[in-house]
Amino acid sequence: MVSDEQWHDERSQKLLKTLQFSENDAQYLAEVTKLQSKSLLWFEHRKGTVTASHFGAVSKTSIDNPLKSLIEAILQSKKFPKFQH
């Protein structure tokens, strides 16, 4: 039987692996998202990520009752801006 501590350690390791980028991935993403707010790819890669602009609010929100607006902002559930091609 797996202890709670082992289960949490395994889950933490799996989560960390999903958050890691290789140096090549980071360079590629930086190159293709130079235009940032004009880049759909930039928005897609930020979706679900706690960025510096959200970090303060995330650190202060309640785990049991997080702010709905904060979750929406992180998940970027609102539509992307219209992009010109």
N, C-alpha and C. Protein backbone atom coordinates (compact mmCIF):
# COMPACT_ATOMS: atom_id res chain seq x y z
N MET A 1 0.85 -1.19 0.00
CA MET A 1 0.00 0.00 0.00
C MET A 1 0.89 1.24 0.00
N VAL A 2 0.47 2.23 -0.77
CA VAL A 2 1.22 3.48 -0.89
C VAL A 2 0.77 4.45 0.20
N SER A 3 1.75 5.00 0.89
CA SER A 3 1.42 5.97 1.94
C SER A 3 0.98 7.28 1.30
N ASP A 4 0.31 8.11 2.09
CA ASP A 4 -0.11 9.43 1.60
C ASP A 4 1.08 10.25 1.13
N GLU A 5 2.16 10.18 1.88
CA GLU A 5 3.36 10.95 1.53
C GLU A 5 3.93 10.49 0.19
N GLN A 6 3.99 9.18 -0.03
CA GLN A 6 4.50 8.66 -1.30
C GLN A 6 3.58 9.07 -2.46
N TRP A 7 2.27 9.00 -2.21
CA TRP A 7 1.31 9.36 -3.24
C TRP A 7 1.48 10.83 -3.63
N HIS A 8 1.62 11.70 -2.63
CA HIS A 8 1.81 13.13 -2.90
C HIS A 8 3.14 13.38 -3.60
N ASP A 9 4.19 12.67 -3.21
CA ASP A 9 5.49 12.82 -3.87
C ASP A 9 5.40 12.42 -5.34
N GLU A 10 4.72 11.31 -5.63
CA GLU A 10 4.58 10.86 -7.01
C GLU A 10 3.77 11.86 -7.83
N ARG A 11 2.68 12.36 -7.25
CA ARG A 11 1.85 13.36 -7.95
C ARG A 11 2.65 14.64 -8.20
N SER A 12 3.44 15.05 -7.21
CA SER A 12 4.25 16.26 -7.35
C SER A 12 5.26 16.10 -8.48
N GLN A 13 5.90 14.93 -8.54
CA GLN A 13 6.89 14.68 -9.59
C GLN A 13 6.24 14.68 -10.97
N LYS A 14 5.06 14.08 -11.09
CA LYS A 14 4.35 14.08 -12.37
C LYS A 14 3.99 15.50 -12.78
N LEU A 15 3.51 16.29 -11.83
CA LEU A 15 3.16 17.67 -12.12
C LEU A 15 4.38 18.47 -12.56
N LEU A 16 5.50 18.30 -11.85
CA LEU A 16 6.72 19.02 -12.21
C LEU A 16 7.17 18.69 -13.62
N LYS A 17 7.04 17.43 -14.01
CA LYS A 17 7.44 17.04 -15.36
C LYS A 17 6.60 17.75 -16.42
N THR A 18 5.32 17.96 -16.13
CA THR A 18 4.47 18.64 -17.11
C THR A 18 4.79 20.13 -17.20
N LEU A 19 5.44 20.68 -16.20
CA LEU A 19 5.75 22.11 -16.17
C LEU A 19 7.13 22.43 -16.71
N GLN A 20 7.92 21.42 -16.99
CA GLN A 20 9.30 21.64 -17.41
C GLN A 20 9.40 21.79 -18.93
N PHE A 21 10.26 22.71 -19.34
CA PHE A 21 10.56 22.93 -20.75
C PHE A 21 12.04 22.66 -20.96
N SER A 22 12.37 22.10 -22.10
CA SER A 22 13.78 21.95 -22.44
C SER A 22 14.29 23.31 -22.89
N GLU A 23 15.58 23.47 -22.96
CA GLU A 23 16.16 24.72 -23.43
C GLU A 23 15.72 25.00 -24.87
N ASN A 24 15.67 23.96 -25.69
CA ASN A 24 15.23 24.12 -27.08
C ASN A 24 13.77 24.56 -27.15
N ASP A 25 12.93 23.96 -26.31
CA ASP A 25 11.52 24.36 -26.26
C ASP A 25 11.38 25.83 -25.86
N ALA A 26 12.13 26.24 -24.87
CA ALA A 26 12.07 27.62 -24.39
C ALA A 26 12.53 28.59 -25.48
N GLN A 27 13.60 28.24 -26.17
CA GLN A 27 14.10 29.12 -27.24
C GLN A 27 13.10 29.20 -28.38
N TYR A 28 12.52 28.07 -28.76
CA TYR A 28 11.53 28.06 -29.83
C TYR A 28 10.33 28.91 -29.44
N LEU A 29 9.81 28.71 -28.24
CA LEU A 29 8.65 29.46 -27.80
C LEU A 29 8.94 30.96 -27.75
N ALA A 30 10.12 31.32 -27.29
CA ALA A 30 10.51 32.74 -27.25
C ALA A 30 10.56 33.32 -28.66
N GLU A 31 11.08 32.56 -29.60
CA GLU A 31 11.20 33.05 -30.97
C GLU A 31 9.83 33.22 -31.64
N VAL A 32 8.96 32.24 -31.50
CA VAL A 32 7.68 32.31 -32.21
C VAL A 32 6.64 33.18 -31.52
N THR A 33 6.95 33.64 -30.31
CA THR A 33 5.98 34.48 -29.60
C THR A 33 6.53 35.88 -29.35
N LYS A 34 7.46 36.32 -30.16
CA LYS A 34 8.05 37.65 -29.98
C LYS A 34 7.01 38.76 -29.97
N LEU A 35 5.98 38.59 -30.73
CA LEU A 35 4.95 39.62 -30.81
C LEU A 35 4.01 39.59 -29.62
N GLN A 36 4.17 38.63 -28.76
CA GLN A 36 3.39 38.42 -27.55
C GLN A 36 1.90 38.64 -27.73
N SER A 37 1.40 39.77 -27.33
CA SER A 37 -0.04 39.96 -27.31
C SER A 37 -0.69 39.89 -28.69
N LYS A 38 0.10 39.88 -29.74
CA LYS A 38 -0.44 39.71 -31.09
C LYS A 38 -0.29 38.27 -31.57
N SER A 39 0.21 37.40 -30.70
CA SER A 39 0.47 36.02 -31.08
C SER A 39 -0.52 35.07 -30.40
N LEU A 40 -1.30 34.35 -31.19
CA LEU A 40 -2.23 33.36 -30.65
C LEU A 40 -1.46 32.27 -29.90
N LEU A 41 -0.30 31.88 -30.41
CA LEU A 41 0.51 30.86 -29.74
C LEU A 41 0.94 31.33 -28.35
N TRP A 42 1.26 32.60 -28.22
CA TRP A 42 1.64 33.16 -26.93
C TRP A 42 0.49 33.02 -25.94
N PHE A 43 -0.73 33.34 -26.38
CA PHE A 43 -1.89 33.20 -25.51
C PHE A 43 -2.13 31.74 -25.14
N GLU A 44 -1.97 30.84 -26.10
CA GLU A 44 -2.19 29.41 -25.84
C GLU A 44 -1.21 28.88 -24.79
N HIS A 45 0.04 29.30 -24.85
CA HIS A 45 1.04 28.81 -23.89
C HIS A 45 0.90 29.44 -22.52
N ARG A 46 0.26 30.58 -22.42
CA ARG A 46 0.03 31.21 -21.12
C ARG A 46 -1.19 30.63 -20.43
N LYS A 47 -2.10 30.04 -21.19
CA LYS A 47 -3.34 29.52 -20.63
C LYS A 47 -3.03 28.47 -19.56
N GLY A 48 -3.56 28.67 -18.37
CA GLY A 48 -3.37 27.71 -17.29
C GLY A 48 -2.06 27.88 -16.54
N THR A 49 -1.31 28.91 -16.87
CA THR A 49 -0.01 29.14 -16.23
C THR A 49 -0.12 30.29 -15.24
N VAL A 50 0.43 30.09 -14.07
CA VAL A 50 0.49 31.19 -13.09
C VAL A 50 1.68 32.05 -13.48
N THR A 51 1.39 33.18 -14.09
CA THR A 51 2.44 34.09 -14.53
C THR A 51 2.76 35.10 -13.42
N ALA A 52 3.78 35.86 -13.62
CA ALA A 52 4.17 36.86 -12.62
C ALA A 52 3.02 37.82 -12.33
N SER A 53 2.24 38.14 -13.35
CA SER A 53 1.14 39.08 -13.15
C SER A 53 0.04 38.51 -12.25
N HIS A 54 -0.03 37.21 -12.10
CA HIS A 54 -1.04 36.57 -11.25
C HIS A 54 -0.48 36.08 -9.91
N PHE A 55 0.82 36.04 -9.78
CA PHE A 55 1.42 35.37 -8.63
C PHE A 55 0.99 35.95 -7.28
N GLY A 56 0.95 37.25 -7.17
CA GLY A 56 0.57 37.88 -5.90
C GLY A 56 -0.84 37.48 -5.48
N ALA A 57 -1.77 37.53 -6.43
CA ALA A 57 -3.16 37.16 -6.12
C ALA A 57 -3.27 35.68 -5.79
N VAL A 58 -2.53 34.84 -6.50
CA VAL A 58 -2.56 33.39 -6.23
C VAL A 58 -2.06 33.10 -4.83
N SER A 59 -0.98 33.77 -4.43
CA SER A 59 -0.40 33.50 -3.11
C SER A 59 -1.30 33.96 -1.96
N LYS A 60 -2.23 34.87 -2.26
CA LYS A 60 -3.11 35.41 -1.22
C LYS A 60 -4.50 34.80 -1.21
N THR A 61 -4.87 34.08 -2.26
CA THR A 61 -6.23 33.56 -2.35
C THR A 61 -6.41 32.33 -1.46
N SER A 62 -7.62 32.07 -1.09
CA SER A 62 -7.94 30.91 -0.26
C SER A 62 -7.94 29.65 -1.10
N ILE A 63 -7.30 28.60 -0.61
CA ILE A 63 -7.31 27.32 -1.31
C ILE A 63 -8.72 26.75 -1.32
N ASP A 64 -9.43 26.92 -0.22
CA ASP A 64 -10.78 26.38 -0.09
C ASP A 64 -11.82 27.17 -0.87
N ASN A 65 -11.55 28.46 -1.09
CA ASN A 65 -12.52 29.31 -1.76
C ASN A 65 -11.79 30.33 -2.64
N PRO A 66 -11.14 29.85 -3.72
CA PRO A 66 -10.37 30.78 -4.56
C PRO A 66 -11.29 31.73 -5.31
N LEU A 67 -10.75 32.88 -5.66
CA LEU A 67 -11.52 33.86 -6.41
C LEU A 67 -11.84 33.34 -7.81
N LYS A 68 -13.10 33.38 -8.17
CA LYS A 68 -13.52 32.92 -9.49
C LYS A 68 -12.84 33.73 -10.59
N SER A 69 -12.73 35.03 -10.38
CA SER A 69 -12.10 35.88 -11.39
C SER A 69 -10.63 35.55 -11.59
N LEU A 70 -9.96 35.13 -10.52
CA LEU A 70 -8.55 34.74 -10.62
C LEU A 70 -8.42 33.45 -11.43
N ILE A 71 -9.27 32.49 -11.14
CA ILE A 71 -9.24 31.23 -11.89
C ILE A 71 -9.52 31.50 -13.37
N GLU A 72 -10.51 32.34 -13.65
CA GLU A 72 -10.82 32.67 -15.04
C GLU A 72 -9.64 33.36 -15.73
N ALA A 73 -8.98 34.24 -15.00
CA ALA A 73 -7.83 34.95 -15.58
C ALA A 73 -6.70 33.98 -15.90
N ILE A 74 -6.43 33.04 -15.00
CA ILE A 74 -5.35 32.08 -15.23
C ILE A 74 -5.71 31.13 -16.37
N LEU A 75 -6.94 30.67 -16.39
CA LEU A 75 -7.37 29.75 -17.44
C LEU A 75 -7.71 30.48 -18.74
N GLN A 76 -7.74 31.79 -18.66
CA GLN A 76 -8.04 32.64 -19.81
C GLN A 76 -9.29 32.13 -20.53
N SER A 77 -10.34 32.00 -19.75
CA SER A 77 -11.59 31.47 -20.30
C SER A 77 -12.29 32.45 -21.20
N LYS A 78 -11.90 33.70 -21.12
CA LYS A 78 -12.48 34.68 -22.03
C LYS A 78 -11.87 34.50 -23.41
N LYS A 79 -12.57 34.96 -24.43
CA LYS A 79 -12.10 34.79 -25.80
C LYS A 79 -10.82 35.58 -26.03
N PHE A 80 -9.99 35.04 -26.93
CA PHE A 80 -8.78 35.74 -27.33
C PHE A 80 -9.16 36.97 -28.13
N PRO A 81 -8.28 37.96 -28.12
CA PRO A 81 -8.53 39.13 -28.97
C PRO A 81 -8.56 38.70 -30.43
N LYS A 82 -9.18 39.50 -31.26
CA LYS A 82 -9.19 39.18 -32.70
C LYS A 82 -7.81 39.45 -33.26
N PHE A 83 -7.34 38.52 -34.07
CA PHE A 83 -6.01 38.64 -34.65
C PHE A 83 -6.11 38.95 -36.13
N GLN A 84 -5.23 39.83 -36.58
CA GLN A 84 -5.17 40.11 -38.01
C GLN A 84 -4.17 39.17 -38.62
N HIS A 85 -4.49 38.69 -39.79
CA HIS A 85 -3.59 37.77 -40.50
C HIS A 85 -2.83 38.50 -41.56
